[in-house]
Structure formats: structure tokens, C-alpha cells
Amino acid sequence: MSNSYVSRFKKMFNSINSDTMKTYAHLDKQNSFTRKRKMPLADIILCTLSKKGLTTSMELHQYFTQKGEYHMSISKQGYLQQRKKLNYEVFSFLNKEYLQNFYYSTEPILWNKYLVFAIDGSKAEVPNSDENRVFFGECGNNHNKGEVRALVSSIFDVFNHFFLDLQIDSIKTSESELAKKNIYAIRKIIPDTNFIVIFDRGYPSIELIHFLEENGVQYLFRLSSNDYKNERKLMITEDETVRLVHTNPRLTKIKKNHPEIVEELRAKKYTSTRIILSKLPSGSELALMTNLPIEFRGKEIENLYFKRWEIEKKYHTLKNKMKLESVTGKATLYVYQDFWSQIVVYNMIQDVLHSSNKNIEKEINKHKYPIRVNENIAIGLFKEKFIKLLIEPNDKLREKKLIQLQRAIEKYIVPIRNLKSQDRKHNFSNKYQNNQKNSL
């Protein structure tokens, strides 16, 4: 049984209980988390990680029950006050350490020696508090106030199924600017690594291409029907290098947000890129833009682009299966803490799922369709055992419990079938009312 994730769980346990955590945990005062309290720093971090979207009192009750402490020693108010002193970057630090252990091993799945990431933005529901309304903004218009929403941007490994970074900002922020922060974060986690970033429509621009090329990033964009129409009309073949001329209208548009690069682009005169055209089964045109070399055939690149859909599916997992948007309280800080903590837990769950799916692949001939582990049940089983796994001080006993959990997860399988796609439905009301959370 493949269980390479066991060493990463051990490192997570050691990190949470280390003195290094205290340096990341300080938000304002350097003496935070130094005194002996009813709920020390490690407990606050673990309780935040174990969030299930219940009321705060029930979250605390379940946390202490799993620890074997049946008389809760801290009030809801006391816990929330401690959370206000916690820097959310403790979770990005834990995520970075966890993923470095994976990416510096022989485990990652590559595409032609490249890691392949997708970047995408999504609107996320946050509590409708005045603080969040000012900080994140709302989805209303000039006539009516709307619900408070944050813009999140993440970078996701489409083959290894890990979220490497999450940016959370105002709904009015440019997705391209958050995408740049995602890429800077990748360079800190796995520097000197070759990777390709896939973007959907809405991202292509001369300015973003300039940024990617300056940072040595291989890119793959999907173009909308209005992107670079003149250049596409001049194409003789369906796969060729084109020049995006730096015209005055294009430079004027870039100057609004990035005046510092306008003269450089003016002197450069044009940007060379590769455009690939093809037809979708629906009959509409698929236009892709990339700086991947010609040795990669157009059909290969087209197939690679469709791997981007993985990030859409995992946003669904985060929001609907892991209750990402069910935030602990109304403060903006809780949004950052809860979103980031669930990214860490998601990656740990995927680590177990990788091993589980490898094991059940051996039984593929016993079933009519290809099979995989039921992700929804796996999340439930993992969250049920999560605290006991992370607080177990004995390495051998923790490994034994992890293997038992993996075997339990492998009992729940579902067939992999290509079903007819459905139109996306939008619901602009809040799923999670801050004063109406579940108690079980």
C-alpha cells in the first residue's frame, strides 16, 4: 500500500507544535501566544483546521471531544478573541512546508517534464458584515446594494490536484493582478522549477504576456471570440507564430494600470506568440495562445488546455463539500484564516486520495466502468478522524491510524462516467447565514 503521505503528516504535526509557529502566529503584538492559556496556539490552529461549518460552540465541543477532553475549557467568546490575534499566514506556511515535501520528491506527475498549473478566479461568499462590505465590496449595482463577495484567485496543479496558493481580495480587484501574486508564490514554494500555467478567457493581454515572459513562465491562454481578431484573420495555417503589434490604443490601455512598462513595450514594437485554431464538437472555434515551442503539436496543446477544468471541479469541492464559505465569524480576518485553513486540509485529503486511487486501480478489471474513490465520503471520513490523527504523538501509531483511514476510504468507490454537461446556474444569495449555522 502506497503511503508516502505519512511523512508529510508527521512533519505537519511537528510544525504545528514547533516554536517556529509562534513567529508566524503573531499578528500585532509580539507577546501573543507566549503565556500559558486554556487554549494554547497549537489548539487554536488545529481547531481552525478541523472546521466543519457548524456553530462555533459545536466546533469547540467536537474539537475537545475528539481530544478526549469532555469538559470544554474555553468559551466561544474567548476562542474568537484568541483567533483575532492569529496571523492567517500560519496556514500558508504550513501549506508551503507540506507541498515542498511532495514536490521535491519523485512523486509529482509531469507533462513532458513540466508541472502544469491552472489559475482561475472565483467569487466567494463571505459574511455580510459592515467590515467585509468595506473591505471586499459587494455584487450590487448603482441602484441596489448586493451581497458581500470576495474575489479569490488560486493556482492549482491539474495533474497532482494540489492548491499551491490562494489570493483573497476585493471583488473589484483585477484577476490578472491576483494571478501574478499566485505566480510569485509558486516561485517561493518551488523555485527553479519548469511549469506551464493555463488560463481561461478573460486573462489574455499583452501586459500579462510581458509579465510571464519576464518571469520565464510557459503559458497557455484560451482566447475569446474578440481577442486579437485582426491577427487571427491574417493567419494562413491553423498553427503559427503571430505578432501582436503594440499599437497606440493598446499601449494607452496598458498605461492606465502599468505606465512603468509602456515605453519598454513601445520600443519593442510587438509581442511574438503562437496561436492555434481548431473546431470544437459544437462547431464553434477554439483559439489558444501559447509560448510553448513548435515541438509540441497543436492537438497535444489542445488536450492539455482541457485539463484546466480540474480547477473548476475543485472549486466545487471546496465550496460545497468542504464548506469553504461557511466562515467562523463576521471579521475579515476570519475569512482569511478559514479559507486558508481549508486549503491546507484539502491538500492533505488529496494526498490520501492519491494513494487510495492508486490502490483501487488494481481492481479496474472487476468493474464495468473505471472507478475512483468517492471524494465526498472521503472528506467526511477524513474530517471525522482528522484531529486524532494530528494530535497523536506516537509516529508508529499515527501511521497505523492513517493506513486504517485509507482502507476505510477505499471501501467507497464510484464509477467514472462522462455525463452530459449542464448549464451553470447562478445563485446570488448567501448559502451560509452567520447566525444560522448547523449544529450537526
Protein backbone atom coordinates (compact mmCIF):
# COMPACT_ATOMS: atom_id res chain seq x y z
CA MET A 1 0.00 0.00 0.00
CA SER A 2 1.41 3.38 -1.06
CA ASN A 3 1.54 5.68 1.95
CA SER A 4 4.18 8.30 1.16
CA TYR A 5 1.92 10.97 2.68
CA VAL A 6 2.64 9.61 6.18
CA SER A 7 5.93 11.51 6.40
CA ARG A 8 4.16 14.73 5.44
CA PHE A 9 1.57 14.25 8.20
CA LYS A 10 4.43 13.77 10.67
CA LYS A 11 6.06 16.99 9.50
CA MET A 12 2.73 18.82 9.83
CA PHE A 13 2.40 17.59 13.43
CA ASN A 14 5.94 18.74 14.24
CA SER A 15 5.44 22.14 12.58
CA ILE A 16 2.22 22.92 14.45
CA ASN A 17 3.88 22.15 17.77
CA SER A 18 7.17 23.95 16.99
CA ASP A 19 8.47 27.29 18.27
CA THR A 20 8.63 28.45 14.64
CA MET A 21 4.83 28.52 14.60
CA LYS A 22 4.84 31.26 17.22
CA THR A 23 6.85 33.58 14.97
CA TYR A 24 4.29 33.17 12.16
CA ALA A 25 1.31 33.38 14.51
CA HIS A 26 2.00 36.91 15.78
CA LEU A 27 -0.38 39.38 14.21
CA ASP A 28 0.34 42.64 16.06
CA LYS A 29 1.78 42.05 19.49
CA GLN A 30 4.97 40.02 19.75
CA ASN A 31 3.91 38.61 23.12
CA SER A 32 0.80 36.90 21.69
CA PHE A 33 0.64 33.16 22.41
CA THR A 34 3.55 33.28 24.86
CA ARG A 35 1.54 32.99 28.07
CA LYS A 36 0.02 29.72 29.21
CA ARG A 37 -3.67 29.78 28.31
CA LYS A 38 -6.65 27.44 28.40
CA MET A 39 -6.33 27.02 24.63
CA PRO A 40 -2.69 27.29 23.50
CA LEU A 41 -1.59 28.15 19.96
CA ALA A 42 -1.46 24.54 18.70
CA ASP A 43 -5.06 24.00 19.80
CA ILE A 44 -6.25 27.18 18.06
CA ILE A 45 -4.56 26.12 14.81
CA LEU A 46 -5.91 22.57 14.99
CA CYS A 47 -9.44 23.72 15.85
CA THR A 48 -9.39 26.11 12.86
CA LEU A 49 -8.16 23.34 10.57
CA SER A 50 -10.89 20.98 11.76
CA LYS A 51 -13.72 23.43 10.86
CA LYS A 52 -16.87 21.70 9.58
CA GLY A 53 -19.16 24.71 9.08
CA LEU A 54 -21.01 24.26 12.38
CA THR A 55 -21.75 26.82 15.07
CA THR A 56 -18.63 27.96 16.92
CA SER A 57 -19.82 26.30 20.14
CA MET A 58 -20.30 22.98 18.35
CA GLU A 59 -16.93 23.29 16.60
CA LEU A 60 -15.28 23.71 20.00
CA HIS A 61 -17.32 20.90 21.53
CA GLN A 62 -16.38 18.46 18.78
CA TYR A 63 -12.75 19.50 18.85
CA PHE A 64 -12.31 18.95 22.59
CA THR A 65 -14.36 15.73 22.44
CA GLN A 66 -12.02 14.33 19.80
CA LYS A 67 -9.10 15.28 22.00
CA GLY A 68 -10.69 13.35 24.84
CA GLU A 69 -11.37 16.50 26.88
CA TYR A 70 -15.09 16.20 27.52
CA HIS A 71 -15.42 19.41 29.54
CA MET A 72 -14.79 22.35 27.23
CA SER A 73 -12.31 24.64 28.92
CA ILE A 74 -12.83 27.83 26.85
CA SER A 75 -15.88 29.91 25.93
CA LYS A 76 -16.86 30.78 22.39
CA GLN A 77 -16.01 34.43 23.07
CA GLY A 78 -12.60 33.51 24.47
CA TYR A 79 -11.82 31.36 21.43
CA LEU A 80 -12.82 34.09 18.97
CA GLN A 81 -10.70 36.64 20.83
CA GLN A 82 -7.71 34.31 20.51
CA ARG A 83 -8.43 33.87 16.81
CA LYS A 84 -8.26 37.65 16.35
CA LYS A 85 -4.62 37.51 17.43
CA LEU A 86 -3.74 34.74 14.94
CA ASN A 87 -1.97 35.60 11.70
CA TYR A 88 -3.58 33.67 8.83
CA GLU A 89 -0.11 33.22 7.30
CA VAL A 90 0.49 30.31 9.68
CA PHE A 91 -1.68 28.28 7.29
CA SER A 92 0.12 29.39 4.12
CA PHE A 93 3.38 28.47 5.90
CA LEU A 94 2.03 25.00 6.76
CA ASN A 95 0.83 24.58 3.18
CA LYS A 96 4.21 25.58 1.79
CA GLU A 97 6.08 23.13 4.02
CA TYR A 98 3.65 20.33 3.22
CA LEU A 99 3.87 20.81 -0.55
CA GLN A 100 7.64 21.25 -0.65
CA ASN A 101 7.95 17.77 0.82
CA PHE A 102 5.88 16.46 -2.10
CA TYR A 103 7.36 18.48 -4.98
CA TYR A 104 10.96 17.79 -4.01
CA SER A 105 10.30 14.05 -4.16
CA THR A 106 9.92 11.73 -7.17
CA GLU A 107 6.12 11.63 -6.77
CA PRO A 108 4.84 14.57 -8.90
CA ILE A 109 3.16 13.72 -12.21
CA LEU A 110 4.66 15.78 -15.05
CA TRP A 111 3.61 16.63 -18.60
CA ASN A 112 6.67 16.49 -20.88
CA LYS A 113 8.91 17.37 -17.91
CA TYR A 114 6.68 20.31 -16.91
CA LEU A 115 4.44 20.75 -13.90
CA VAL A 116 1.09 22.02 -15.16
CA PHE A 117 -0.89 24.60 -13.18
CA ALA A 118 -4.20 26.33 -13.81
CA ILE A 119 -5.00 29.79 -12.49
CA ASP A 120 -8.59 30.90 -12.10
CA GLY A 121 -10.56 33.43 -10.12
CA SER A 122 -13.87 32.87 -8.38
CA LYS A 123 -16.32 34.93 -6.35
CA ALA A 124 -16.59 33.63 -2.80
CA GLU A 125 -19.37 34.22 -0.32
CA VAL A 126 -18.31 35.96 2.90
CA PRO A 127 -20.40 37.17 5.86
CA ASN A 128 -22.47 40.30 5.12
CA SER A 129 -20.84 42.39 7.85
CA ASP A 130 -20.05 46.10 7.54
CA GLU A 131 -16.33 45.36 7.86
CA ASN A 132 -16.43 42.87 4.99
CA ARG A 133 -18.60 45.17 2.88
CA VAL A 134 -15.95 47.90 3.14
CA PHE A 135 -13.00 45.53 2.65
CA PHE A 136 -14.26 43.20 -0.07
CA GLY A 137 -17.10 45.13 -1.73
CA GLU A 138 -20.41 43.83 -3.00
CA CYS A 139 -22.01 42.41 -6.12
CA GLY A 140 -24.71 45.06 -6.40
CA ASN A 141 -25.10 47.89 -8.91
CA ASN A 142 -25.57 51.65 -8.76
CA HIS A 143 -29.21 51.26 -7.73
CA ASN A 144 -29.18 48.39 -5.23
CA LYS A 145 -26.82 47.01 -2.64
CA GLY A 146 -25.80 43.43 -3.24
CA GLU A 147 -24.33 40.58 -1.23
CA VAL A 148 -20.77 40.88 0.03
CA ARG A 149 -18.37 38.81 -2.05
CA ALA A 150 -14.60 38.35 -2.07
CA LEU A 151 -12.55 37.58 -5.16
CA VAL A 152 -10.29 34.59 -4.74
CA SER A 153 -7.60 33.50 -7.17
CA SER A 154 -5.83 30.19 -6.87
CA ILE A 155 -3.14 28.25 -8.65
CA PHE A 156 -3.87 24.55 -8.92
CA ASP A 157 -1.83 21.56 -10.08
CA VAL A 158 -4.09 19.87 -12.64
CA PHE A 159 -2.29 16.51 -12.56
CA ASN A 160 -1.38 16.25 -8.88
CA HIS A 161 -4.53 18.02 -7.60
CA PHE A 162 -2.99 20.36 -5.04
CA PHE A 163 -3.76 24.04 -4.43
CA LEU A 164 -0.41 25.80 -4.14
CA ASP A 165 -1.59 29.34 -3.43
CA LEU A 166 -4.72 31.32 -2.67
CA GLN A 167 -5.13 35.07 -3.00
CA ILE A 168 -8.14 36.78 -1.39
CA ASP A 169 -9.02 40.38 -2.24
CA SER A 170 -11.73 42.89 -3.08
CA ILE A 171 -14.31 41.91 -5.66
CA LYS A 172 -13.13 44.88 -7.75
CA THR A 173 -9.53 43.63 -7.98
CA SER A 174 -8.19 42.56 -11.37
CA GLU A 175 -7.94 38.78 -11.71
CA SER A 176 -4.72 39.24 -13.70
CA GLU A 177 -3.09 41.11 -10.81
CA LEU A 178 -4.01 38.32 -8.41
CA ALA A 179 -2.69 35.78 -10.92
CA LYS A 180 0.71 37.50 -10.75
CA LYS A 181 0.70 37.08 -6.97
CA ASN A 182 -0.12 33.40 -7.45
CA ILE A 183 2.94 33.03 -9.68
CA TYR A 184 5.20 34.89 -7.24
CA ALA A 185 4.01 32.47 -4.54
CA ILE A 186 4.90 29.47 -6.74
CA ARG A 187 8.42 30.77 -7.17
CA LYS A 188 8.78 30.80 -3.37
CA ILE A 189 7.41 27.29 -2.90
CA ILE A 190 9.24 25.54 -5.75
CA PRO A 191 11.90 27.87 -7.20
CA ASP A 192 13.85 26.85 -10.31
CA THR A 193 11.06 24.52 -11.46
CA ASN A 194 9.72 24.34 -15.00
CA PHE A 195 5.98 24.76 -15.19
CA ILE A 196 3.16 25.72 -17.56
CA VAL A 197 0.25 27.91 -16.46
CA ILE A 198 -3.14 27.52 -18.15
CA PHE A 199 -5.53 30.49 -18.25
CA ASP A 200 -9.12 30.73 -19.42
CA ARG A 201 -10.73 33.52 -21.44
CA GLY A 202 -10.56 36.91 -19.74
CA TYR A 203 -6.84 36.76 -18.96
CA PRO A 204 -5.05 37.23 -22.33
CA SER A 205 -3.30 40.59 -22.66
CA ILE A 206 -0.02 41.90 -23.96
CA GLU A 207 0.79 43.21 -20.48
CA LEU A 208 0.28 39.80 -18.81
CA ILE A 209 2.27 38.03 -21.55
CA HIS A 210 5.07 40.52 -20.89
CA PHE A 211 4.99 39.69 -17.18
CA LEU A 212 5.01 35.92 -17.82
CA GLU A 213 7.90 36.09 -20.27
CA GLU A 214 9.89 38.35 -17.94
CA ASN A 215 9.48 35.67 -15.25
CA GLY A 216 10.28 32.75 -17.53
CA VAL A 217 6.80 31.22 -17.38
CA GLN A 218 5.36 28.98 -20.11
CA TYR A 219 1.72 29.97 -20.67
CA LEU A 220 -1.40 28.68 -22.40
CA PHE A 221 -4.39 31.00 -22.85
CA ARG A 222 -7.79 30.44 -24.36
CA LEU A 223 -8.85 33.41 -26.47
CA SER A 224 -12.38 34.78 -26.59
CA SER A 225 -14.02 35.49 -29.93
CA ASN A 226 -12.97 39.17 -29.75
CA ASP A 227 -9.31 38.66 -28.75
CA TYR A 228 -6.78 39.65 -31.44
CA LYS A 229 -9.25 39.18 -34.29
CA ASN A 230 -7.13 41.02 -36.84
CA GLU A 231 -4.10 38.85 -36.16
CA ARG A 232 -6.19 35.69 -36.41
CA LYS A 233 -7.68 36.76 -39.74
CA LEU A 234 -4.17 37.08 -41.22
CA MET A 235 -3.23 33.53 -40.23
CA ILE A 236 -2.63 31.22 -43.20
CA THR A 237 -2.50 27.98 -41.22
CA GLU A 238 -4.22 26.85 -38.04
CA ASP A 239 -0.98 26.89 -36.03
CA GLU A 240 1.55 29.65 -36.47
CA THR A 241 3.56 32.39 -34.80
CA VAL A 242 1.91 35.82 -34.96
CA ARG A 243 2.93 39.33 -33.99
CA LEU A 244 0.74 41.29 -31.59
CA VAL A 245 1.63 44.84 -32.63
CA HIS A 246 1.93 47.36 -29.79
CA THR A 247 -0.44 49.92 -31.29
CA ASN A 248 -1.20 53.23 -29.61
CA PRO A 249 -4.71 52.13 -28.49
CA ARG A 250 -3.23 49.01 -26.88
CA LEU A 251 -0.46 50.97 -25.17
CA THR A 252 -2.94 53.58 -23.93
CA LYS A 253 -4.98 50.82 -22.33
CA ILE A 254 -1.88 49.35 -20.66
CA LYS A 255 -0.78 52.79 -19.44
CA LYS A 256 -3.84 53.11 -17.19
CA ASN A 257 -2.60 50.40 -14.83
CA HIS A 258 1.04 49.82 -15.78
CA PRO A 259 2.65 53.05 -17.02
CA GLU A 260 6.08 51.75 -15.99
CA ILE A 261 6.27 49.26 -18.89
CA VAL A 262 4.72 51.33 -21.68
CA GLU A 263 7.97 52.77 -23.05
CA GLU A 264 9.61 49.36 -22.99
CA LEU A 265 6.71 47.88 -24.96
CA ARG A 266 6.72 50.84 -27.37
CA ALA A 267 10.40 50.24 -28.12
CA LYS A 268 9.80 46.51 -28.52
CA LYS A 269 7.05 47.26 -31.13
CA TYR A 270 5.37 43.84 -30.99
CA THR A 271 4.97 40.62 -28.99
CA SER A 272 5.52 37.28 -30.72
CA THR A 273 3.28 34.43 -29.69
CA ARG A 274 1.84 31.23 -31.09
CA ILE A 275 -1.87 30.90 -31.92
CA ILE A 276 -3.55 27.53 -32.51
CA LEU A 277 -7.02 27.31 -34.05
CA SER A 278 -9.35 24.30 -34.10
CA LYS A 279 -13.04 23.38 -34.08
CA LEU A 280 -14.95 22.13 -31.05
CA PRO A 281 -17.56 19.35 -31.40
CA SER A 282 -20.22 22.07 -31.11
CA GLY A 283 -18.85 23.68 -34.26
CA SER A 284 -17.52 26.82 -32.56
CA GLU A 285 -13.89 27.84 -32.85
CA LEU A 286 -11.31 27.10 -30.17
CA ALA A 287 -8.42 29.59 -30.21
CA LEU A 288 -5.39 29.03 -27.97
CA MET A 289 -2.36 31.24 -27.46
CA THR A 290 0.92 29.92 -26.06
CA ASN A 291 4.68 30.29 -25.99
CA LEU A 292 5.22 26.53 -25.97
CA PRO A 293 7.67 25.54 -28.73
CA ILE A 294 6.54 24.05 -32.04
CA GLU A 295 7.80 20.60 -30.96
CA PHE A 296 4.51 20.32 -29.06
CA ARG A 297 1.81 19.64 -31.64
CA GLY A 298 -1.39 21.64 -31.69
CA LYS A 299 -3.55 18.65 -30.71
CA GLU A 300 -1.31 17.94 -27.69
CA ILE A 301 -1.68 21.53 -26.53
CA GLU A 302 -5.44 21.47 -27.11
CA ASN A 303 -5.77 18.33 -24.96
CA LEU A 304 -3.62 19.97 -22.30
CA TYR A 305 -5.86 23.05 -22.20
CA PHE A 306 -8.91 20.96 -21.30
CA LYS A 307 -7.12 19.78 -18.15
CA ARG A 308 -7.89 23.29 -16.86
CA TRP A 309 -11.39 22.07 -16.00
CA GLU A 310 -9.87 20.36 -12.93
CA ILE A 311 -9.65 23.70 -11.10
CA GLU A 312 -13.36 24.33 -11.71
CA LYS A 313 -14.22 20.93 -10.21
CA LYS A 314 -12.04 21.57 -7.17
CA TYR A 315 -13.64 24.97 -6.53
CA HIS A 316 -16.89 22.98 -6.37
CA THR A 317 -15.27 20.61 -3.85
CA LEU A 318 -14.04 23.47 -1.66
CA LYS A 319 -17.29 25.41 -1.67
CA ASN A 320 -19.88 22.64 -1.50
CA LYS A 321 -18.17 19.63 0.08
CA MET A 322 -15.76 21.35 2.47
CA LYS A 323 -17.97 24.39 3.23
CA LEU A 324 -15.18 26.84 2.50
CA GLU A 325 -17.55 29.81 2.56
CA SER A 326 -19.06 28.99 5.97
CA VAL A 327 -16.86 31.45 7.85
CA THR A 328 -16.46 31.26 11.64
CA GLY A 329 -17.41 34.88 12.34
CA LYS A 330 -18.02 38.28 10.78
CA ALA A 331 -14.48 39.69 11.00
CA THR A 332 -12.44 39.92 7.79
CA LEU A 333 -9.52 38.12 9.47
CA TYR A 334 -11.70 35.02 9.94
CA VAL A 335 -12.27 34.91 6.17
CA TYR A 336 -8.53 34.68 5.53
CA GLN A 337 -7.99 32.15 8.31
CA ASP A 338 -10.87 29.87 7.32
CA PHE A 339 -10.20 29.96 3.57
CA TRP A 340 -6.50 29.22 4.00
CA SER A 341 -7.01 26.54 6.66
CA GLN A 342 -9.36 24.63 4.36
CA ILE A 343 -6.80 24.79 1.54
CA VAL A 344 -4.34 23.02 3.86
CA VAL A 345 -6.89 20.36 4.82
CA TYR A 346 -7.96 19.91 1.19
CA ASN A 347 -4.35 19.18 0.18
CA MET A 348 -3.97 16.65 2.99
CA ILE A 349 -7.17 14.89 1.88
CA GLN A 350 -5.97 14.78 -1.73
CA ASP A 351 -2.72 13.24 -0.56
CA VAL A 352 -4.63 10.33 0.97
CA LEU A 353 -6.88 10.11 -2.10
CA HIS A 354 -3.85 9.79 -4.39
CA SER A 355 -2.76 6.66 -2.54
CA SER A 356 -6.29 5.30 -2.32
CA ASN A 357 -6.93 5.71 -6.05
CA LYS A 358 -3.64 4.01 -6.89
CA ASN A 359 -4.72 1.01 -4.86
CA ILE A 360 -8.20 0.68 -6.36
CA GLU A 361 -6.77 1.00 -9.90
CA LYS A 362 -5.55 -2.58 -9.41
CA GLU A 363 -9.21 -3.69 -9.31
CA ILE A 364 -10.20 -1.90 -12.51
CA ASN A 365 -10.92 -5.15 -14.41
CA LYS A 366 -13.62 -6.11 -11.87
CA HIS A 367 -15.87 -3.19 -12.85
CA LYS A 368 -17.82 -2.15 -15.94
CA TYR A 369 -16.55 1.43 -15.75
CA PRO A 370 -13.26 2.92 -14.47
CA ILE A 371 -13.60 3.68 -10.77
CA ARG A 372 -12.34 6.20 -8.25
CA VAL A 373 -12.77 6.90 -4.56
CA ASN A 374 -15.92 8.79 -3.58
CA GLU A 375 -14.42 12.18 -2.74
CA ASN A 376 -17.42 13.38 -0.75
CA ILE A 377 -17.32 10.42 1.65
CA ALA A 378 -13.52 10.61 1.83
CA ILE A 379 -13.79 14.23 3.04
CA GLY A 380 -16.32 13.22 5.69
CA LEU A 381 -14.22 10.29 6.94
CA PHE A 382 -11.06 12.38 6.97
CA LYS A 383 -12.62 15.26 8.92
CA GLU A 384 -14.08 12.78 11.38
CA LYS A 385 -10.61 11.39 12.20
CA PHE A 386 -8.53 14.47 11.45
CA ILE A 387 -7.85 15.74 14.97
CA LYS A 388 -6.98 12.36 16.43
CA LEU A 389 -4.53 11.83 13.59
CA LEU A 390 -2.75 15.14 14.08
CA ILE A 391 -2.57 15.11 17.88
CA GLU A 392 -1.21 11.54 18.01
CA PRO A 393 2.36 11.95 19.37
CA ASN A 394 3.45 8.38 18.56
CA ASP A 395 4.69 8.19 14.95
CA LYS A 396 4.03 4.46 14.54
CA LEU A 397 0.53 4.72 15.98
CA ARG A 398 -0.26 7.73 13.77
CA GLU A 399 0.89 5.79 10.70
CA LYS A 400 -1.28 2.84 11.70
CA LYS A 401 -4.33 5.10 12.09
CA LEU A 402 -3.65 6.73 8.71
CA ILE A 403 -3.49 3.36 6.96
CA GLN A 404 -6.73 2.33 8.67
CA LEU A 405 -8.35 5.55 7.44
CA GLN A 406 -7.10 4.93 3.91
CA ARG A 407 -8.55 1.40 3.91
CA ALA A 408 -11.88 2.79 5.13
CA ILE A 409 -11.88 5.39 2.34
CA GLU A 410 -11.15 2.74 -0.30
CA LYS A 411 -14.41 0.94 0.53
CA TYR A 412 -16.40 3.79 -1.04
CA ILE A 413 -15.96 3.90 -4.80
CA VAL A 414 -17.91 5.43 -7.68
CA PRO A 415 -17.74 4.82 -11.46
CA ILE A 416 -16.14 7.41 -13.72
CA ARG A 417 -18.61 8.23 -16.47
CA ASN A 418 -18.83 11.07 -18.97
CA LEU A 419 -22.23 12.61 -18.34
CA LYS A 420 -23.99 15.24 -20.41
CA SER A 421 -22.97 18.72 -19.31
CA GLN A 422 -25.49 21.04 -17.70
CA ASP A 423 -25.84 24.80 -17.91
CA ARG A 424 -24.27 26.63 -14.98
CA LYS A 425 -26.78 28.14 -12.54
CA HIS A 426 -26.05 31.27 -10.55
CA ASN A 427 -27.45 31.95 -7.09
CA PHE A 428 -26.57 35.34 -5.65
CA SER A 429 -27.98 34.81 -2.16
CA ASN A 430 -25.83 33.65 0.73
CA LYS A 431 -25.73 29.90 1.37
CA TYR A 432 -24.27 30.41 4.83
CA GLN A 433 -26.04 32.75 7.23
CA ASN A 434 -23.70 33.71 10.04
CA ASN A 435 -26.38 33.23 12.70
CA GLN A 436 -27.93 30.08 11.21
CA LYS A 437 -25.16 27.51 11.06
CA ASN A 438 -25.71 23.78 11.53
CA SER A 439 -25.15 22.19 14.91
CA LEU A 440 -24.58 18.71 13.42
